[in-house]
Amino acid sequence: MLGAMSAMPAPLGDRLRMLQLLTGTIGGGAVLVALARVFIDTAAPWPAWWQLGLVVVALLGSAVLIRQVGYAVPALPRGLPEENAAETSIRYFSSTTVLRAAICEAPVFIALFVSVLPPRSWLPLVLAVPGAAALFWTHAWPSARTATAIAEGLEREGAPSHLPEALGLRGAS
């Protein structure tokens, strides 16, 4: 009986909170790795200009990549039953959210890599972490705004996605 209960899907409104927990864990991991780097070697000589430039390019590249692939979803076919549309929409929303979170983290890991190269400064992380956090908050955190962006892509051929309702963002119609 217990095994059957654990295999049951979560209520649709709870999926947003579960996805927020997962996404927060992903984003928090990058911050913890950056903090570990600072505490491992507290020296902070001025980094080379190419190191800072690489971090800026990584941040800009992540922003562009998020816009190009982070919200890309296929349109739902017309006539899809509401239950199937909602489940399919949640799967696309979840997978694109994790993808956007991973893309947001990339500049932090690039900054971490360049921080161990001479002159061994963790200062590139000071640039990468707030920039990645801004990208994360804007594009990766599961919210009504990101759900609306995904729903628009799913509904572009006229089939309703029922995504906001399935995530509990507005009353089901």
Protein backbone atom coordinates (compact mmCIF):
# COMPACT_ATOMS: atom_id res chain seq x y z
CA MET A 1 0.00 0.00 0.00
CA LEU A 2 2.78 2.44 0.90
CA GLY A 3 4.55 1.77 -2.43
CA ALA A 4 1.35 2.52 -4.33
CA MET A 5 0.88 5.78 -2.43
CA SER A 6 4.39 7.02 -3.17
CA ALA A 7 3.92 6.39 -6.90
CA MET A 8 0.89 8.70 -7.06
CA PRO A 9 1.58 12.03 -8.76
CA ALA A 10 1.52 15.17 -6.65
CA PRO A 11 -1.56 17.38 -6.85
CA LEU A 12 -1.17 19.73 -9.78
CA GLY A 13 -0.98 22.90 -7.64
CA ASP A 14 1.91 21.47 -5.60
CA ARG A 15 4.08 20.94 -8.68
CA LEU A 16 5.04 24.61 -8.81
CA ARG A 17 6.36 24.48 -5.22
CA MET A 18 8.25 21.25 -5.90
CA LEU A 19 9.80 22.75 -9.02
CA GLN A 20 10.73 25.89 -7.05
CA LEU A 21 12.45 23.71 -4.45
CA LEU A 22 14.39 21.82 -7.13
CA THR A 23 15.34 25.00 -8.96
CA GLY A 24 16.40 26.70 -5.73
CA THR A 25 18.64 23.75 -4.95
CA ILE A 26 20.23 23.97 -8.39
CA GLY A 27 20.85 27.71 -8.05
CA GLY A 28 22.03 27.41 -4.47
CA GLY A 29 24.65 24.88 -5.51
CA ALA A 30 26.48 27.43 -7.65
CA VAL A 31 26.51 29.93 -4.79
CA LEU A 32 27.85 27.33 -2.35
CA VAL A 33 30.63 26.32 -4.75
CA ALA A 34 31.57 29.99 -5.16
CA LEU A 35 31.65 30.49 -1.39
CA ALA A 36 33.80 27.39 -0.97
CA ARG A 37 36.29 28.83 -3.48
CA VAL A 38 36.49 32.09 -1.51
CA PHE A 39 37.11 30.27 1.79
CA ILE A 40 39.68 27.87 0.31
CA ASP A 41 41.94 30.72 -0.80
CA THR A 42 41.13 34.08 0.71
CA ALA A 43 43.77 35.95 -1.29
CA ALA A 44 42.22 38.16 -3.91
CA PRO A 45 44.76 39.76 -6.23
CA TRP A 46 43.32 41.73 -9.12
CA PRO A 47 42.33 39.24 -11.85
CA ALA A 48 43.62 39.44 -15.39
CA TRP A 49 41.41 41.44 -17.76
CA TRP A 50 40.80 38.39 -19.93
CA GLN A 51 39.37 36.58 -16.88
CA LEU A 52 36.83 39.33 -16.25
CA GLY A 53 36.11 39.55 -19.97
CA LEU A 54 35.43 35.83 -20.16
CA VAL A 55 32.97 36.09 -17.28
CA VAL A 56 31.16 39.01 -18.95
CA VAL A 57 30.99 37.05 -22.22
CA ALA A 58 29.65 34.04 -20.30
CA LEU A 59 26.94 36.16 -18.69
CA LEU A 60 25.92 37.74 -21.98
CA GLY A 61 26.07 34.38 -23.76
CA SER A 62 23.88 32.80 -21.09
CA ALA A 63 21.32 35.58 -21.44
CA VAL A 64 21.18 35.08 -25.21
CA LEU A 65 21.09 31.29 -24.92
CA ILE A 66 18.25 31.42 -22.41
CA ARG A 67 16.17 33.54 -24.78
CA GLN A 68 16.98 31.30 -27.76
CA VAL A 69 16.57 27.80 -26.29
CA GLY A 70 15.34 28.22 -22.72
CA TYR A 71 11.76 28.99 -23.71
CA ALA A 72 11.61 26.92 -26.89
CA VAL A 73 8.74 24.44 -26.77
CA PRO A 74 6.68 22.81 -29.51
CA ALA A 75 3.10 23.92 -29.99
CA LEU A 76 0.49 21.59 -28.55
CA PRO A 77 -1.68 19.83 -31.12
CA ARG A 78 -5.29 20.96 -31.42
CA GLY A 79 -7.86 18.68 -29.87
CA LEU A 80 -5.59 17.43 -27.07
CA PRO A 81 -7.76 16.61 -24.03
CA GLU A 82 -7.38 19.08 -21.15
CA GLU A 83 -5.82 16.49 -18.81
CA ASN A 84 -3.20 15.48 -21.39
CA ALA A 85 -2.51 19.11 -22.31
CA ALA A 86 -1.95 20.01 -18.66
CA GLU A 87 0.40 17.07 -18.04
CA THR A 88 2.34 17.73 -21.25
CA SER A 89 2.58 21.43 -20.42
CA ILE A 90 3.91 20.70 -16.93
CA ARG A 91 6.57 18.38 -18.40
CA TYR A 92 7.72 21.08 -20.84
CA PHE A 93 7.63 23.74 -18.14
CA SER A 94 9.68 21.56 -15.78
CA SER A 95 12.29 20.57 -18.34
CA THR A 96 12.76 24.10 -19.67
CA THR A 97 12.98 25.47 -16.13
CA VAL A 98 15.82 23.07 -15.29
CA LEU A 99 17.50 23.93 -18.60
CA ARG A 100 17.28 27.66 -17.90
CA ALA A 101 18.64 27.12 -14.36
CA ALA A 102 21.62 25.20 -15.73
CA ILE A 103 22.34 27.91 -18.30
CA CYS A 104 22.16 30.54 -15.54
CA GLU A 105 24.76 28.62 -13.51
CA ALA A 106 27.28 28.36 -16.35
CA PRO A 107 28.91 31.79 -15.79
CA VAL A 108 29.56 30.92 -12.14
CA PHE A 109 31.36 27.73 -13.09
CA ILE A 110 33.34 29.55 -15.78
CA ALA A 111 34.32 32.16 -13.18
CA LEU A 112 35.26 29.36 -10.79
CA PHE A 113 37.50 27.84 -13.45
CA VAL A 114 39.27 31.11 -14.27
CA SER A 115 39.63 31.90 -10.55
CA VAL A 116 42.13 29.05 -10.11
CA LEU A 117 44.29 30.23 -13.02
CA PRO A 118 47.06 32.75 -12.38
CA PRO A 119 46.79 35.20 -10.67
CA ARG A 120 44.46 32.93 -8.66
CA SER A 121 41.83 35.49 -7.74
CA TRP A 122 38.28 34.74 -6.73
CA LEU A 123 37.21 38.24 -7.80
CA PRO A 124 35.70 36.97 -11.10
CA LEU A 125 33.13 35.26 -8.88
CA VAL A 126 32.12 38.67 -7.53
CA LEU A 127 31.05 39.53 -11.06
CA ALA A 128 29.57 36.14 -11.97
CA VAL A 129 27.44 35.35 -8.92
CA PRO A 130 25.26 38.50 -8.92
CA GLY A 131 24.94 38.39 -12.70
CA ALA A 132 23.95 34.73 -12.65
CA ALA A 133 21.56 35.40 -9.75
CA ALA A 134 19.83 38.12 -11.79
CA LEU A 135 19.50 35.75 -14.74
CA PHE A 136 18.29 33.00 -12.41
CA TRP A 137 15.66 35.19 -10.75
CA THR A 138 14.43 36.52 -14.08
CA HIS A 139 14.43 33.35 -16.17
CA ALA A 140 14.86 30.21 -14.08
CA TRP A 141 12.78 30.75 -10.97
CA PRO A 142 9.39 29.05 -11.60
CA SER A 143 6.87 31.87 -11.52
CA ALA A 144 3.75 33.16 -13.21
CA ARG A 145 5.96 35.09 -15.66
CA THR A 146 7.96 32.05 -16.77
CA ALA A 147 4.83 29.90 -16.87
CA THR A 148 3.13 32.48 -19.08
CA ALA A 149 6.11 32.53 -21.46
CA ILE A 150 6.05 28.74 -21.80
CA ALA A 151 2.25 28.67 -22.11
CA GLU A 152 2.43 31.19 -24.97
CA GLY A 153 4.83 28.90 -26.84
CA LEU A 154 2.68 25.84 -26.22
CA GLU A 155 -0.49 27.68 -27.31
CA ARG A 156 0.90 29.42 -30.42
CA GLU A 157 -1.22 27.25 -32.75
CA GLY A 158 -4.41 27.76 -30.76
CA ALA A 159 -4.51 24.70 -28.49
CA PRO A 160 -4.94 25.62 -24.80
CA SER A 161 -2.09 24.44 -22.54
CA HIS A 162 -3.91 24.78 -19.18
CA LEU A 163 -0.46 25.38 -17.67
CA PRO A 164 -1.31 28.26 -15.29
CA GLU A 165 -4.27 26.33 -13.91
CA ALA A 166 -2.25 23.12 -13.57
CA LEU A 167 0.42 25.00 -11.61
CA GLY A 168 -2.21 26.61 -9.39
CA LEU A 169 -1.45 30.12 -10.66
CA ARG A 170 -5.08 30.97 -11.36
CA GLY A 171 -8.41 29.28 -10.81
CA ALA A 172 -9.08 26.42 -13.21
CA SER A 173 -11.69 27.38 -15.74
